[in-house]
Amino acid sequence: MDKPTGVEYFIIKAEENGVNVIGLTRGKDTRFHHSEKLDKGEVMIAQFTEHTSAVKVRGKARIITPFGEVQTIDEA
């Protein structure tokens, strides 16, 4: 598969129920501006925008980016 050009997306795949995906704002103060809750097997396709500078993922999930793939760990 060719690497995407222009806007790059990332994928978050929930590996358990109740995974939280939280978008954080750009600017002088970082704030929460959006959140989603994913259940096991659900996939969210997202991108960074002029409003979103970071994304926080809470729960067991796989995050797939153009730079590679990471998996959250369960520290319970």
N, C-alpha and C. Protein backbone atom coordinates (compact mmCIF):
# COMPACT_ATOMS: atom_id res chain seq x y z
N MET A 1 0.84 -1.17 0.00
CA MET A 1 0.00 0.00 0.00
C MET A 1 0.89 1.24 0.00
N ASP A 2 0.62 2.20 -0.87
CA ASP A 2 1.39 3.43 -0.92
C ASP A 2 1.12 4.29 0.30
N LYS A 3 2.16 5.05 0.71
CA LYS A 3 1.98 5.98 1.81
C LYS A 3 1.07 7.12 1.39
N PRO A 4 0.18 7.54 2.26
CA PRO A 4 -0.72 8.65 1.91
C PRO A 4 0.05 9.96 1.77
N THR A 5 -0.49 10.84 0.96
CA THR A 5 0.12 12.16 0.82
C THR A 5 -0.86 13.20 1.33
N GLY A 6 -0.35 14.36 1.69
CA GLY A 6 -1.23 15.41 2.20
C GLY A 6 -1.65 15.12 3.61
N VAL A 7 -2.93 15.17 3.87
CA VAL A 7 -3.46 14.95 5.22
C VAL A 7 -3.28 13.48 5.60
N GLU A 8 -2.69 13.27 6.76
CA GLU A 8 -2.48 11.90 7.21
C GLU A 8 -3.45 11.57 8.34
N TYR A 9 -4.01 10.41 8.24
CA TYR A 9 -4.98 9.94 9.22
C TYR A 9 -4.33 8.92 10.13
N PHE A 10 -4.94 8.68 11.28
CA PHE A 10 -4.51 7.60 12.15
C PHE A 10 -5.76 6.84 12.58
N ILE A 11 -5.55 5.60 12.96
CA ILE A 11 -6.66 4.70 13.28
C ILE A 11 -6.52 4.24 14.72
N ILE A 12 -7.63 4.25 15.43
CA ILE A 12 -7.67 3.73 16.80
C ILE A 12 -8.67 2.58 16.80
N LYS A 13 -8.20 1.39 17.18
CA LYS A 13 -9.08 0.22 17.23
C LYS A 13 -9.18 -0.24 18.68
N ALA A 14 -10.39 -0.22 19.22
CA ALA A 14 -10.62 -0.64 20.60
C ALA A 14 -10.47 -2.15 20.74
N GLU A 15 -9.72 -2.55 21.75
CA GLU A 15 -9.55 -3.98 22.02
C GLU A 15 -10.29 -4.40 23.28
N GLU A 16 -11.06 -3.45 23.85
CA GLU A 16 -11.94 -3.74 24.97
C GLU A 16 -13.06 -2.71 24.95
N ASN A 17 -14.12 -2.96 25.68
CA ASN A 17 -15.21 -1.99 25.78
C ASN A 17 -14.78 -0.78 26.60
N GLY A 18 -15.28 0.38 26.22
CA GLY A 18 -15.08 1.57 27.02
C GLY A 18 -13.77 2.31 26.80
N VAL A 19 -13.15 2.16 25.63
CA VAL A 19 -11.92 2.90 25.33
C VAL A 19 -12.29 4.36 25.09
N ASN A 20 -11.61 5.27 25.78
CA ASN A 20 -11.86 6.71 25.62
C ASN A 20 -10.82 7.31 24.69
N VAL A 21 -11.30 8.11 23.73
CA VAL A 21 -10.43 8.86 22.82
C VAL A 21 -10.75 10.33 23.05
N ILE A 22 -9.73 11.09 23.46
CA ILE A 22 -9.95 12.47 23.85
C ILE A 22 -9.09 13.38 22.99
N GLY A 23 -9.72 14.36 22.33
CA GLY A 23 -9.00 15.33 21.52
C GLY A 23 -8.61 16.53 22.37
N LEU A 24 -7.38 16.99 22.22
CA LEU A 24 -6.86 18.14 22.97
C LEU A 24 -6.62 19.30 22.01
N THR A 25 -6.88 20.51 22.49
CA THR A 25 -6.81 21.70 21.63
C THR A 25 -5.38 22.19 21.43
N ARG A 26 -5.25 23.04 20.43
CA ARG A 26 -4.01 23.78 20.18
C ARG A 26 -4.11 25.11 20.91
N GLY A 27 -3.01 25.83 20.94
CA GLY A 27 -3.04 27.19 21.48
C GLY A 27 -2.31 27.34 22.78
N LYS A 28 -2.50 28.49 23.38
CA LYS A 28 -1.81 28.84 24.62
C LYS A 28 -2.11 27.85 25.73
N ASP A 29 -3.36 27.47 25.90
CA ASP A 29 -3.77 26.51 26.92
C ASP A 29 -4.30 25.25 26.25
N THR A 30 -3.79 24.10 26.69
CA THR A 30 -4.28 22.83 26.16
C THR A 30 -5.54 22.44 26.94
N ARG A 31 -6.61 22.15 26.19
CA ARG A 31 -7.89 21.76 26.83
C ARG A 31 -8.50 20.59 26.06
N PHE A 32 -9.36 19.86 26.77
CA PHE A 32 -10.15 18.82 26.11
C PHE A 32 -11.18 19.51 25.23
N HIS A 33 -11.36 19.04 23.99
CA HIS A 33 -12.42 19.64 23.18
C HIS A 33 -13.36 18.61 22.57
N HIS A 34 -13.01 17.33 22.66
CA HIS A 34 -13.88 16.31 22.07
C HIS A 34 -13.53 14.96 22.70
N SER A 35 -14.51 14.13 22.90
CA SER A 35 -14.22 12.78 23.36
C SER A 35 -15.20 11.79 22.74
N GLU A 36 -14.72 10.59 22.58
CA GLU A 36 -15.52 9.48 22.05
C GLU A 36 -15.26 8.27 22.92
N LYS A 37 -16.24 7.40 23.01
CA LYS A 37 -16.07 6.14 23.71
C LYS A 37 -16.27 5.02 22.69
N LEU A 38 -15.29 4.13 22.60
CA LEU A 38 -15.34 3.02 21.65
C LEU A 38 -15.52 1.70 22.40
N ASP A 39 -16.28 0.80 21.81
CA ASP A 39 -16.41 -0.55 22.35
C ASP A 39 -15.53 -1.50 21.56
N LYS A 40 -15.29 -2.66 22.12
CA LYS A 40 -14.39 -3.64 21.53
C LYS A 40 -14.72 -3.86 20.05
N GLY A 41 -13.69 -3.76 19.22
CA GLY A 41 -13.84 -3.97 17.79
C GLY A 41 -14.17 -2.71 17.01
N GLU A 42 -14.60 -1.66 17.69
CA GLU A 42 -14.90 -0.42 16.98
C GLU A 42 -13.61 0.27 16.57
N VAL A 43 -13.69 0.97 15.44
CA VAL A 43 -12.54 1.66 14.87
C VAL A 43 -12.90 3.12 14.66
N MET A 44 -11.96 3.99 15.00
CA MET A 44 -12.14 5.42 14.76
C MET A 44 -11.00 5.87 13.86
N ILE A 45 -11.34 6.57 12.79
CA ILE A 45 -10.34 7.15 11.90
C ILE A 45 -10.32 8.64 12.18
N ALA A 46 -9.15 9.17 12.49
CA ALA A 46 -9.04 10.57 12.92
C ALA A 46 -7.85 11.25 12.25
N GLN A 47 -7.77 12.56 12.44
CA GLN A 47 -6.65 13.33 11.92
C GLN A 47 -6.42 14.53 12.83
N PHE A 48 -5.20 15.05 12.79
CA PHE A 48 -4.92 16.29 13.50
C PHE A 48 -5.41 17.44 12.64
N THR A 49 -5.95 18.46 13.28
CA THR A 49 -6.54 19.59 12.56
C THR A 49 -6.02 20.90 13.14
N GLU A 50 -6.56 22.00 12.65
CA GLU A 50 -6.18 23.30 13.21
C GLU A 50 -6.63 23.43 14.66
N HIS A 51 -7.59 22.61 15.09
CA HIS A 51 -8.09 22.66 16.46
C HIS A 51 -7.51 21.56 17.35
N THR A 52 -7.10 20.45 16.75
CA THR A 52 -6.63 19.30 17.52
C THR A 52 -5.12 19.16 17.39
N SER A 53 -4.42 19.23 18.54
CA SER A 53 -2.97 19.09 18.51
C SER A 53 -2.49 17.77 19.11
N ALA A 54 -3.37 17.13 19.88
CA ALA A 54 -3.00 15.87 20.52
C ALA A 54 -4.24 15.03 20.77
N VAL A 55 -4.03 13.73 20.90
CA VAL A 55 -5.12 12.81 21.21
C VAL A 55 -4.66 11.90 22.34
N LYS A 56 -5.52 11.74 23.31
CA LYS A 56 -5.24 10.86 24.44
C LYS A 56 -6.15 9.64 24.32
N VAL A 57 -5.56 8.45 24.46
CA VAL A 57 -6.33 7.20 24.38
C VAL A 57 -6.23 6.52 25.73
N ARG A 58 -7.38 6.24 26.34
CA ARG A 58 -7.42 5.59 27.64
C ARG A 58 -8.16 4.27 27.48
N GLY A 59 -7.50 3.16 27.79
CA GLY A 59 -8.08 1.83 27.62
C GLY A 59 -7.23 1.03 26.66
N LYS A 60 -7.56 -0.23 26.50
CA LYS A 60 -6.77 -1.12 25.64
C LYS A 60 -7.15 -0.91 24.18
N ALA A 61 -6.16 -0.46 23.39
CA ALA A 61 -6.43 -0.15 21.98
C ALA A 61 -5.15 -0.26 21.16
N ARG A 62 -5.33 -0.39 19.86
CA ARG A 62 -4.22 -0.32 18.90
C ARG A 62 -4.34 1.01 18.18
N ILE A 63 -3.23 1.72 18.03
CA ILE A 63 -3.20 2.98 17.31
C ILE A 63 -2.27 2.79 16.13
N ILE A 64 -2.82 3.00 14.93
CA ILE A 64 -2.07 2.77 13.70
C ILE A 64 -1.88 4.12 13.02
N THR A 65 -0.61 4.48 12.77
CA THR A 65 -0.28 5.76 12.16
C THR A 65 0.63 5.53 10.96
N PRO A 66 0.88 6.57 10.17
CA PRO A 66 1.84 6.43 9.07
C PRO A 66 3.25 6.12 9.57
N PHE A 67 3.50 6.34 10.86
CA PHE A 67 4.82 6.12 11.45
C PHE A 67 4.97 4.73 12.04
N GLY A 68 3.88 4.00 12.14
CA GLY A 68 3.92 2.66 12.72
C GLY A 68 2.70 2.41 13.58
N GLU A 69 2.78 1.35 14.35
CA GLU A 69 1.65 0.94 15.18
C GLU A 69 2.09 0.82 16.63
N VAL A 70 1.24 1.27 17.53
CA VAL A 70 1.49 1.10 18.96
C VAL A 70 0.24 0.51 19.61
N GLN A 71 0.47 -0.13 20.75
CA GLN A 71 -0.64 -0.72 21.48
C GLN A 71 -0.55 -0.24 22.92
N THR A 72 -1.67 0.18 23.47
CA THR A 72 -1.68 0.57 24.87
C THR A 72 -1.50 -0.68 25.72
N ILE A 73 -1.05 -0.48 26.95
CA ILE A 73 -0.86 -1.63 27.84
C ILE A 73 -1.80 -1.53 29.01
N ASP A 74 -2.17 -2.65 29.55
CA ASP A 74 -3.06 -2.70 30.70
C ASP A 74 -2.21 -2.83 31.94
N GLU A 75 -2.25 -1.79 32.79
CA GLU A 75 -1.43 -1.81 34.00
C GLU A 75 -2.24 -2.14 35.23
N ALA A 76 -3.38 -2.78 35.06
CA ALA A 76 -4.22 -3.14 36.21
C ALA A 76 -3.65 -4.30 36.97
